[in-house]
Amino acid sequence: MIVYKVYQKNYKFKRGDLIGVLTERRNDLRGKTVIESGLRWARLIFGGLVNDRQAVFVVPNELDLSEPRKRFKK
């Protein structure tokens, strides 16, 4: 199971605002990457809540952005 945190770009404050959480329980992503699949679902579900559907982005729970930084610290 993949858990996505769904954010909306906030251009005024230059950050992302959390608008929801999605879970994807299927094993087959149908030839798409984890980001592409989650972004498709997020725009479909949360697209009506925001003015600009292109301002929606997702961060999968499996993605750990701090990992490369940990590797280079001494």
Protein backbone atom coordinates (compact mmCIF):
# COMPACT_ATOMS: atom_id res chain seq x y z
CA MET A 1 0.00 0.00 0.00
CA ILE A 2 1.31 3.40 -0.99
CA VAL A 3 0.26 6.52 0.93
CA TYR A 4 0.42 9.85 -0.87
CA LYS A 5 0.37 13.25 0.80
CA VAL A 6 -1.36 15.67 -1.57
CA TYR A 7 -0.25 19.30 -1.57
CA GLN A 8 -1.29 22.47 -3.38
CA LYS A 9 1.35 24.98 -4.44
CA ASN A 10 0.96 28.24 -2.55
CA TYR A 11 2.70 30.86 -4.66
CA LYS A 12 2.11 33.66 -2.17
CA PHE A 13 4.07 32.00 0.66
CA LYS A 14 6.30 29.86 -1.61
CA ARG A 15 5.38 26.54 -0.02
CA GLY A 16 2.96 23.65 -0.36
CA ASP A 17 -0.27 23.40 1.62
CA LEU A 18 -1.47 19.93 2.59
CA ILE A 19 -4.95 19.33 1.19
CA GLY A 20 -5.35 15.59 1.77
CA VAL A 21 -4.00 12.06 1.89
CA LEU A 22 -4.61 9.26 -0.62
CA THR A 23 -3.95 5.54 -0.30
CA GLU A 24 -3.34 3.26 -3.25
CA ARG A 25 -3.82 -0.40 -2.47
CA ARG A 26 -3.35 -1.97 -5.88
CA ASN A 27 -0.06 -3.67 -6.66
CA ASP A 28 -0.06 -2.94 -10.39
CA LEU A 29 0.55 0.70 -11.27
CA ARG A 30 -0.27 -0.07 -14.94
CA GLY A 31 3.09 0.92 -16.37
CA LYS A 32 3.35 4.26 -14.57
CA THR A 33 5.78 5.38 -11.91
CA VAL A 34 4.62 5.89 -8.34
CA ILE A 35 4.61 9.69 -8.78
CA GLU A 36 2.65 9.60 -12.07
CA SER A 37 0.02 7.24 -10.68
CA GLY A 38 -0.45 9.25 -7.49
CA LEU A 39 -0.59 12.55 -9.34
CA ARG A 40 -3.30 11.21 -11.64
CA TRP A 41 -5.45 10.12 -8.70
CA ALA A 42 -4.82 13.34 -6.79
CA ARG A 43 -5.83 15.57 -9.70
CA LEU A 44 -8.94 13.46 -10.23
CA ILE A 45 -10.03 13.53 -6.58
CA PHE A 46 -8.84 16.97 -5.41
CA GLY A 47 -9.05 18.83 -8.74
CA GLY A 48 -12.43 20.34 -7.87
CA LEU A 49 -11.15 21.77 -4.57
CA VAL A 50 -8.44 23.95 -6.10
CA ASN A 51 -8.53 26.70 -8.72
CA ASP A 52 -5.57 25.36 -10.71
CA ARG A 53 -5.35 21.58 -11.16
CA GLN A 54 -1.71 21.94 -12.21
CA ALA A 55 -0.87 23.32 -8.74
CA VAL A 56 -1.54 19.90 -7.15
CA PHE A 57 1.45 17.66 -6.41
CA VAL A 58 2.01 14.49 -4.40
CA VAL A 59 4.72 13.06 -2.19
CA PRO A 60 4.61 9.28 -1.71
CA ASN A 61 5.25 7.97 1.78
CA GLU A 62 7.95 5.64 0.44
CA LEU A 63 9.98 8.56 -0.90
CA ASP A 64 12.60 9.64 1.63
CA LEU A 65 14.25 12.84 0.44
CA SER A 66 16.66 12.96 3.37
CA GLU A 67 18.45 9.74 2.38
CA PRO A 68 21.09 11.29 0.05
CA ARG A 69 21.94 13.86 2.72
CA LYS A 70 22.47 11.13 5.33
CA ARG A 71 24.87 9.33 3.05
CA PHE A 72 27.20 12.31 2.65
CA LYS A 73 27.31 13.41 6.30
CA LYS A 74 30.40 12.42 8.23
